[in-house]
């Protein structure tokens, strides 16, 4: 599954990459270099981040499902026990 960014997220990511290089690498990069770096990161590193996020979501959901009986259980036939 290819990771795609919205146009707004892509613009902001490119601006962030350019700012990072300017402040930390003391080098100016243009839109083309920043775009190529972004595309590389999305293709090469993005799947690892995406897969970890899916695994985290699965673990969270599994934890919630395991506790479903405890958190949502309502005792039955309690009227006469009052």
PDB file of N, CA and C in Angstrom:
ATOM      1  N   UNK A   1       0.851  -1.176   0.000  1.00  0.00           N
ATOM      2  CA  UNK A   1       0.000   0.000   0.000  1.00  0.00           C
ATOM      3  C   UNK A   1       0.893   1.234   0.000  1.00  0.00           C
ATOM      4  N   UNK A   2       0.781   2.014  -1.027  1.00  0.00           N
ATOM      5  CA  UNK A   2       1.581   3.231  -1.135  1.00  0.00           C
ATOM      6  C   UNK A   2       1.054   4.286  -0.165  1.00  0.00           C
ATOM      7  N   UNK A   3       1.971   4.986   0.463  1.00  0.00           N
ATOM      8  CA  UNK A   3       1.593   6.050   1.388  1.00  0.00           C
ATOM      9  C   UNK A   3       1.488   7.342   0.593  1.00  0.00           C
ATOM     10  N   UNK A   4       0.335   7.958   0.669  1.00  0.00           N
ATOM     11  CA  UNK A   4       0.093   9.194  -0.070  1.00  0.00           C
ATOM     12  C   UNK A   4      -0.250  10.301   0.914  1.00  0.00           C
ATOM     13  N   UNK A   5       0.275  11.464   0.641  1.00  0.00           N
ATOM     14  CA  UNK A   5      -0.024  12.631   1.462  1.00  0.00           C
ATOM     15  C   UNK A   5      -0.969  13.548   0.705  1.00  0.00           C
ATOM     16  N   UNK A   6      -1.776  14.271   1.444  1.00  0.00           N
ATOM     17  CA  UNK A   6      -2.600  15.292   0.816  1.00  0.00           C
ATOM     18  C   UNK A   6      -1.680  16.386   0.272  1.00  0.00           C
ATOM     19  N   UNK A   7      -2.176  17.195  -0.640  1.00  0.00           N
ATOM     20  CA  UNK A   7      -1.366  18.278  -1.193  1.00  0.00           C
ATOM     21  C   UNK A   7      -0.872  19.203  -0.090  1.00  0.00           C
ATOM     22  N   UNK A   8      -1.737  19.502   0.868  1.00  0.00           N
ATOM     23  CA  UNK A   8      -1.355  20.384   1.970  1.00  0.00           C
ATOM     24  C   UNK A   8      -0.253  19.757   2.820  1.00  0.00           C
ATOM     25  N   UNK A   9      -0.388  18.475   3.140  1.00  0.00           N
ATOM     26  CA  UNK A   9       0.633  17.794   3.934  1.00  0.00           C
ATOM     27  C   UNK A   9       1.950  17.712   3.166  1.00  0.00           C
ATOM     28  N   UNK A  10       1.866  17.503   1.872  1.00  0.00           N
ATOM     29  CA  UNK A  10       3.081  17.439   1.049  1.00  0.00           C
ATOM     30  C   UNK A  10       3.787  18.797   1.043  1.00  0.00           C
ATOM     31  N   UNK A  11       3.040  19.871   0.870  1.00  0.00           N
ATOM     32  CA  UNK A  11       3.628  21.221   0.877  1.00  0.00           C
ATOM     33  C   UNK A  11       4.290  21.521   2.216  1.00  0.00           C
ATOM     34  N   UNK A  12       3.601  21.181   3.293  1.00  0.00           N
ATOM     35  CA  UNK A  12       4.153  21.438   4.620  1.00  0.00           C
ATOM     36  C   UNK A  12       5.376  20.574   4.890  1.00  0.00           C
ATOM     37  N   UNK A  13       5.378  19.332   4.406  1.00  0.00           N
ATOM     38  CA  UNK A  13       6.527  18.444   4.576  1.00  0.00           C
ATOM     39  C   UNK A  13       7.740  18.975   3.822  1.00  0.00           C
ATOM     40  N   UNK A  14       7.531  19.428   2.606  1.00  0.00           N
ATOM     41  CA  UNK A  14       8.625  19.983   1.806  1.00  0.00           C
ATOM     42  C   UNK A  14       9.192  21.231   2.482  1.00  0.00           C
ATOM     43  N   UNK A  15       8.321  22.086   2.979  1.00  0.00           N
ATOM     44  CA  UNK A  15       8.780  23.287   3.689  1.00  0.00           C
ATOM     45  C   UNK A  15       9.575  22.901   4.937  1.00  0.00           C
ATOM     46  N   UNK A  16       9.140  21.876   5.637  1.00  0.00           N
ATOM     47  CA  UNK A  16       9.828  21.415   6.837  1.00  0.00           C
ATOM     48  C   UNK A  16      11.210  20.852   6.499  1.00  0.00           C
ATOM     49  N   UNK A  17      11.301  20.086   5.433  1.00  0.00           N
ATOM     50  CA  UNK A  17      12.590  19.539   4.996  1.00  0.00           C
ATOM     51  C   UNK A  17      13.549  20.670   4.642  1.00  0.00           C
ATOM     52  N   UNK A  18      13.051  21.644   3.914  1.00  0.00           N
ATOM     53  CA  UNK A  18      13.890  22.786   3.536  1.00  0.00           C
ATOM     54  C   UNK A  18      14.379  23.535   4.769  1.00  0.00           C
ATOM     55  N   UNK A  19      13.511  23.741   5.734  1.00  0.00           N
ATOM     56  CA  UNK A  19      13.883  24.435   6.953  1.00  0.00           C
ATOM     57  C   UNK A  19      14.904  23.613   7.741  1.00  0.00           C
ATOM     58  N   UNK A  20      14.700  22.299   7.808  1.00  0.00           N
ATOM     59  CA  UNK A  20      15.638  21.426   8.525  1.00  0.00           C
ATOM     60  C   UNK A  20      17.039  21.547   7.933  1.00  0.00           C
ATOM     61  N   UNK A  21      17.140  21.479   6.610  1.00  0.00           N
ATOM     62  CA  UNK A  21      18.447  21.584   5.970  1.00  0.00           C
ATOM     63  C   UNK A  21      19.069  22.950   6.218  1.00  0.00           C
ATOM     64  N   UNK A  22      18.274  23.986   6.152  1.00  0.00           N
ATOM     65  CA  UNK A  22      18.796  25.335   6.366  1.00  0.00           C
ATOM     66  C   UNK A  22      19.326  25.507   7.789  1.00  0.00           C
ATOM     67  N   UNK A  23      18.635  24.952   8.771  1.00  0.00           N
ATOM     68  CA  UNK A  23      19.017  25.149  10.167  1.00  0.00           C
ATOM     69  C   UNK A  23      20.039  24.143  10.681  1.00  0.00           C
ATOM     70  N   UNK A  24      20.013  22.926  10.177  1.00  0.00           N
ATOM     71  CA  UNK A  24      20.866  21.881  10.729  1.00  0.00           C
ATOM     72  C   UNK A  24      22.018  21.446   9.832  1.00  0.00           C
ATOM     73  N   UNK A  25      21.888  21.637   8.569  1.00  0.00           N
ATOM     74  CA  UNK A  25      22.930  21.215   7.640  1.00  0.00           C
ATOM     75  C   UNK A  25      23.649  22.411   7.028  1.00  0.00           C
ATOM     76  N   UNK A  26      23.189  23.590   7.396  1.00  0.00           N
ATOM     77  CA  UNK A  26      23.752  24.826   6.859  1.00  0.00           C
ATOM     78  C   UNK A  26      23.828  24.773   5.339  1.00  0.00           C
ATOM     79  N   UNK A  27      22.764  24.255   4.761  1.00  0.00           N
ATOM     80  CA  UNK A  27      22.697  24.090   3.318  1.00  0.00           C
ATOM     81  C   UNK A  27      21.267  24.393   2.876  1.00  0.00           C
ATOM     82  N   UNK A  28      21.166  25.118   1.813  1.00  0.00           N
ATOM     83  CA  UNK A  28      19.848  25.400   1.253  1.00  0.00           C
ATOM     84  C   UNK A  28      19.500  24.304   0.242  1.00  0.00           C
ATOM     85  N   UNK A  29      18.301  23.797   0.313  1.00  0.00           N
ATOM     86  CA  UNK A  29      17.821  22.869  -0.712  1.00  0.00           C
ATOM     87  C   UNK A  29      16.560  23.458  -1.317  1.00  0.00           C
ATOM     88  N   UNK A  30      16.370  23.193  -2.579  1.00  0.00           N
ATOM     89  CA  UNK A  30      15.198  23.698  -3.271  1.00  0.00           C
ATOM     90  C   UNK A  30      14.033  22.734  -3.183  1.00  0.00           C
ATOM     91  N   UNK A  31      12.965  23.120  -3.827  1.00  0.00           N
ATOM     92  CA  UNK A  31      11.759  22.297  -3.821  1.00  0.00           C
ATOM     93  C   UNK A  31      12.000  20.915  -4.426  1.00  0.00           C
ATOM     94  N   UNK A  32      12.777  20.851  -5.504  1.00  0.00           N
ATOM     95  CA  UNK A  32      13.008  19.567  -6.173  1.00  0.00           C
ATOM     96  C   UNK A  32      13.739  18.589  -5.254  1.00  0.00           C
ATOM     97  N   UNK A  33      14.835  19.014  -4.640  1.00  0.00           N
ATOM     98  CA  UNK A  33      15.581  18.127  -3.740  1.00  0.00           C
ATOM     99  C   UNK A  33      14.736  17.723  -2.533  1.00  0.00           C
ATOM    100  N   UNK A  34      14.003  18.670  -1.982  1.00  0.00           N
ATOM    101  CA  UNK A  34      13.153  18.363  -0.829  1.00  0.00           C
ATOM    102  C   UNK A  34      12.051  17.381  -1.220  1.00  0.00           C
ATOM    103  N   UNK A  35      11.488  17.556  -2.393  1.00  0.00           N
ATOM    104  CA  UNK A  35      10.440  16.645  -2.883  1.00  0.00           C
ATOM    105  C   UNK A  35      10.994  15.249  -3.100  1.00  0.00           C
ATOM    106  N   UNK A  36      12.178  15.161  -3.700  1.00  0.00           N
ATOM    107  CA  UNK A  36      12.799  13.846  -3.922  1.00  0.00           C
ATOM    108  C   UNK A  36      13.114  13.153  -2.604  1.00  0.00           C
ATOM    109  N   UNK A  37      13.601  13.903  -1.623  1.00  0.00           N
ATOM    110  CA  UNK A  37      13.878  13.314  -0.316  1.00  0.00           C
ATOM    111  C   UNK A  37      12.590  12.837   0.348  1.00  0.00           C
ATOM    112  N   UNK A  38      11.541  13.638   0.261  1.00  0.00           N
ATOM    113  CA  UNK A  38      10.248  13.254   0.830  1.00  0.00           C
ATOM    114  C   UNK A  38       9.731  11.976   0.177  1.00  0.00           C
ATOM    115  N   UNK A  39       9.790  11.904  -1.141  1.00  0.00           N
ATOM    116  CA  UNK A  39       9.310  10.720  -1.848  1.00  0.00           C
ATOM    117  C   UNK A  39      10.129   9.484  -1.470  1.00  0.00           C
ATOM    118  N   UNK A  40      11.451   9.652  -1.325  1.00  0.00           N
ATOM    119  CA  UNK A  40      12.304   8.538  -0.893  1.00  0.00           C
ATOM    120  C   UNK A  40      11.885   8.061   0.498  1.00  0.00           C
ATOM    121  N   UNK A  41      11.721   8.996   1.418  1.00  0.00           N
ATOM    122  CA  UNK A  41      11.345   8.633   2.794  1.00  0.00           C
ATOM    123  C   UNK A  41       9.996   7.937   2.831  1.00  0.00           C
ATOM    124  N   UNK A  42       9.040   8.442   2.074  1.00  0.00           N
ATOM    125  CA  UNK A  42       7.716   7.816   2.049  1.00  0.00           C
ATOM    126  C   UNK A  42       7.789   6.396   1.499  1.00  0.00           C
ATOM    127  N   UNK A  43       8.610   6.199   0.484  1.00  0.00           N
ATOM    128  CA  UNK A  43       8.695   4.882  -0.141  1.00  0.00           C
ATOM    129  C   UNK A  43       9.559   3.917   0.668  1.00  0.00           C
ATOM    130  N   UNK A  44      10.671   4.402   1.224  1.00  0.00           N
ATOM    131  CA  UNK A  44      11.626   3.524   1.883  1.00  0.00           C
ATOM    132  C   UNK A  44      11.345   3.339   3.375  1.00  0.00           C
ATOM    133  N   UNK A  45      11.021   4.419   4.074  1.00  0.00           N
ATOM    134  CA  UNK A  45      10.849   4.377   5.524  1.00  0.00           C
ATOM    135  C   UNK A  45       9.367   4.345   5.917  1.00  0.00           C
ATOM    136  N   UNK A  46       8.546   4.955   5.104  1.00  0.00           N
ATOM    137  CA  UNK A  46       7.120   5.054   5.392  1.00  0.00           C
ATOM    138  C   UNK A  46       6.443   3.733   5.722  1.00  0.00           C
ATOM    139  N   UNK A  47       6.695   2.673   4.952  1.00  0.00           N
ATOM    140  CA  UNK A  47       6.034   1.396   5.263  1.00  0.00           C
ATOM    141  C   UNK A  47       6.356   0.865   6.658  1.00  0.00           C
ATOM    142  N   UNK A  48       7.594   1.062   7.129  1.00  0.00           N
ATOM    143  CA  UNK A  48       7.933   0.614   8.485  1.00  0.00           C
ATOM    144  C   UNK A  48       7.129   1.371   9.531  1.00  0.00           C
ATOM    145  N   UNK A  49       6.995   2.657   9.340  1.00  0.00           N
ATOM    146  CA  UNK A  49       6.220   3.479  10.273  1.00  0.00           C
ATOM    147  C   UNK A  49       4.749   3.087  10.209  1.00  0.00           C
ATOM    148  N   UNK A  50       4.241   2.902   9.003  1.00  0.00           N
ATOM    149  CA  UNK A  50       2.841   2.517   8.807  1.00  0.00           C
ATOM    150  C   UNK A  50       2.566   1.155   9.462  1.00  0.00           C
ATOM    151  N   UNK A  51       3.449   0.193   9.227  1.00  0.00           N
ATOM    152  CA  UNK A  51       3.254  -1.149   9.795  1.00  0.00           C
ATOM    153  C   UNK A  51       3.282  -1.111  11.321  1.00  0.00           C
ATOM    154  N   UNK A  52       4.165  -0.305  11.894  1.00  0.00           N
ATOM    155  CA  UNK A  52       4.220  -0.196  13.344  1.00  0.00           C
ATOM    156  C   UNK A  52       2.942   0.451  13.876  1.00  0.00           C
ATOM    157  N   UNK A  53       2.429   1.446  13.165  1.00  0.00           N
ATOM    158  CA  UNK A  53       1.185   2.086  13.586  1.00  0.00           C
ATOM    159  C   UNK A  53       0.022   1.101  13.549  1.00  0.00           C
ATOM    160  N   UNK A  54      -0.029   0.268  12.521  1.00  0.00           N
ATOM    161  CA  UNK A  54      -1.073  -0.756  12.432  1.00  0.00           C
ATOM    162  C   UNK A  54      -0.931  -1.757  13.583  1.00  0.00           C
ATOM    163  N   UNK A  55       0.304  -2.181  13.870  1.00  0.00           N
ATOM    164  CA  UNK A  55       0.531  -3.122  14.976  1.00  0.00           C
ATOM    165  C   UNK A  55       0.121  -2.494  16.308  1.00  0.00           C
ATOM    166  N   UNK A  56       0.443  -1.220  16.491  1.00  0.00           N
ATOM    167  CA  UNK A  56       0.049  -0.522  17.721  1.00  0.00           C
ATOM    168  C   UNK A  56      -1.470  -0.445  17.840  1.00  0.00           C
ATOM    169  N   UNK A  57      -2.141  -0.144  16.735  1.00  0.00           N
ATOM    170  CA  UNK A  57      -3.601  -0.063  16.745  1.00  0.00           C
ATOM    171  C   UNK A  57      -4.218  -1.429  17.033  1.00  0.00           C
ATOM    172  N   UNK A  58      -3.648  -2.483  16.451  1.00  0.00           N
ATOM    173  CA  UNK A  58      -4.143  -3.835  16.716  1.00  0.00           C
ATOM    174  C   UNK A  58      -3.987  -4.189  18.187  1.00  0.00           C
ATOM    175  N   UNK A  59      -2.841  -3.873  18.759  1.00  0.00           N
ATOM    176  CA  UNK A  59      -2.599  -4.185  20.171  1.00  0.00           C
ATOM    177  C   UNK A  59      -3.573  -3.407  21.051  1.00  0.00           C
ATOM    178  N   UNK A  60      -3.800  -2.155  20.729  1.00  0.00           N
ATOM    179  CA  UNK A  60      -4.731  -1.333  21.502  1.00  0.00           C
ATOM    180  C   UNK A  60      -6.150  -1.898  21.421  1.00  0.00           C
ATOM    181  N   UNK A  61      -6.566  -2.258  20.196  1.00  0.00           N
ATOM    182  CA  UNK A  61      -7.902  -2.824  20.012  1.00  0.00           C
ATOM    183  C   UNK A  61      -8.025  -4.169  20.730  1.00  0.00           C
ATOM    184  N   UNK A  62      -7.006  -4.991  20.648  1.00  0.00           N
ATOM    185  CA  UNK A  62      -7.036  -6.290  21.318  1.00  0.00           C
ATOM    186  C   UNK A  62      -7.155  -6.111  22.821  1.00  0.00           C
ATOM    187  N   UNK A  63      -6.428  -5.137  23.363  1.00  0.00           N
ATOM    188  CA  UNK A  63      -6.500  -4.841  24.791  1.00  0.00           C
ATOM    189  C   UNK A  63      -7.915  -4.412  25.173  1.00  0.00           C
ATOM    190  N   UNK A  64      -8.522  -3.578  24.347  1.00  0.00           N
ATOM    191  CA  UNK A  64      -9.892  -3.118  24.631  1.00  0.00           C
ATOM    192  C   UNK A  64     -10.891  -4.264  24.505  1.00  0.00           C
ATOM    193  N   UNK A  65     -10.702  -5.144  23.530  1.00  0.00           N
ATOM    194  CA  UNK A  65     -11.603  -6.286  23.363  1.00  0.00           C
ATOM    195  C   UNK A  65     -11.462  -7.277  24.509  1.00  0.00           C
ATOM    196  N   UNK A  66     -10.246  -7.457  24.993  1.00  0.00           N
ATOM    197  CA  UNK A  66     -10.016  -8.367  26.113  1.00  0.00           C
ATOM    198  C   UNK A  66     -10.745  -7.871  27.354  1.00  0.00           C
ATOM    199  N   UNK A  67     -10.776  -6.573  27.550  1.00  0.00           N
ATOM    200  CA  UNK A  67     -11.398  -5.973  28.726  1.00  0.00           C
ATOM    201  C   UNK A  67     -12.886  -5.658  28.497  1.00  0.00           C
ATOM    202  N   UNK A  68     -13.406  -5.989  27.338  1.00  0.00           N
ATOM    203  CA  UNK A  68     -14.788  -5.650  27.004  1.00  0.00           C
ATOM    204  C   UNK A  68     -15.778  -6.220  28.013  1.00  0.00           C
ATOM    205  N   UNK A  69     -15.615  -7.460  28.393  1.00  0.00           N
ATOM    206  CA  UNK A  69     -16.542  -8.067  29.342  1.00  0.00           C
ATOM    207  C   UNK A  69     -16.477  -7.366  30.694  1.00  0.00           C
ATOM    208  N   UNK A  70     -15.295  -7.031  31.136  1.00  0.00           N
ATOM    209  CA  UNK A  70     -15.141  -6.363  32.427  1.00  0.00           C
ATOM    210  C   UNK A  70     -15.666  -4.941  32.432  1.00  0.00           C
ATOM    211  N   UNK A  71     -15.473  -4.216  31.349  1.00  0.00           N
ATOM    212  CA  UNK A  71     -15.879  -2.812  31.330  1.00  0.00           C
ATOM    213  C   UNK A  71     -17.327  -2.614  30.887  1.00  0.00           C
ATOM    214  N   UNK A  72     -17.882  -3.575  30.192  1.00  0.00           N
ATOM    215  CA  UNK A  72     -19.246  -3.413  29.684  1.00  0.00           C
ATOM    216  C   UNK A  72     -20.247  -4.410  30.261  1.00  0.00           C
ATOM    217  N   UNK A  73     -19.800  -5.251  31.148  1.00  0.00           N
ATOM    218  CA  UNK A  73     -20.696  -6.272  31.698  1.00  0.00           C
ATOM    219  C   UNK A  73     -21.693  -5.643  32.663  1.00  0.00           C
ATOM    220  N   UNK A  74     -22.903  -6.024  32.548  1.00  0.00           N
ATOM    221  CA  UNK A  74     -23.971  -5.575  33.442  1.00  0.00           C
ATOM    222  C   UNK A  74     -24.561  -6.812  34.100  1.00  0.00           C
ATOM    223  N   UNK A  75     -24.594  -6.840  35.429  1.00  0.00           N
ATOM    224  CA  UNK A  75     -25.155  -8.010  36.115  1.00  0.00           C
ATOM    225  C   UNK A  75     -26.627  -8.225  35.732  1.00  0.00           C
ATOM    226  N   UNK A  76     -27.007  -9.464  35.653  1.00  0.00           N
ATOM    227  CA  UNK A  76     -28.378  -9.810  35.259  1.00  0.00           C
ATOM    228  C   UNK A  76     -29.205 -10.202  36.480  1.00  0.00           C
ATOM    229  N   UNK A  77     -30.458 -10.025  36.363  1.00  0.00           N
ATOM    230  CA  UNK A  77     -31.430 -10.447  37.371  1.00  0.00           C
ATOM    231  C   UNK A  77     -31.066  -9.946  38.772  1.00  0.00           C
ATOM    232  N   UNK A  78     -30.791  -8.671  38.869  1.00  0.00           N
ATOM    233  CA  UNK A  78     -30.390  -8.066  40.132  1.00  0.00           C
ATOM    234  C   UNK A  78     -31.557  -7.404  40.867  1.00  0.00           C
ATOM    235  N   UNK A  79     -32.712  -7.336  40.236  1.00  0.00           N
ATOM    236  CA  UNK A  79     -33.842  -6.610  40.822  1.00  0.00           C
ATOM    237  C   UNK A  79     -34.227  -7.159  42.196  1.00  0.00           C
ATOM    238  N   UNK A  80     -34.350  -8.443  42.333  1.00  0.00           N
ATOM    239  CA  UNK A  80     -34.825  -9.046  43.579  1.00  0.00           C
ATOM    240  C   UNK A  80     -33.755  -9.145  44.657  1.00  0.00           C
ATOM    241  N   UNK A  81     -32.535  -8.849  44.314  1.00  0.00           N
ATOM    242  CA  UNK A  81     -31.445  -8.917  45.283  1.00  0.00           C
ATOM    243  C   UNK A  81     -31.314  -7.646  46.102  1.00  0.00           C
ATOM    244  N   UNK A  82     -32.146  -6.663  45.832  1.00  0.00           N
ATOM    245  CA  UNK A  82     -32.081  -5.378  46.546  1.00  0.00           C
ATOM    246  C   UNK A  82     -32.510  -5.503  47.972  1.00  0.00           C
TER     247      UNK A  82
END
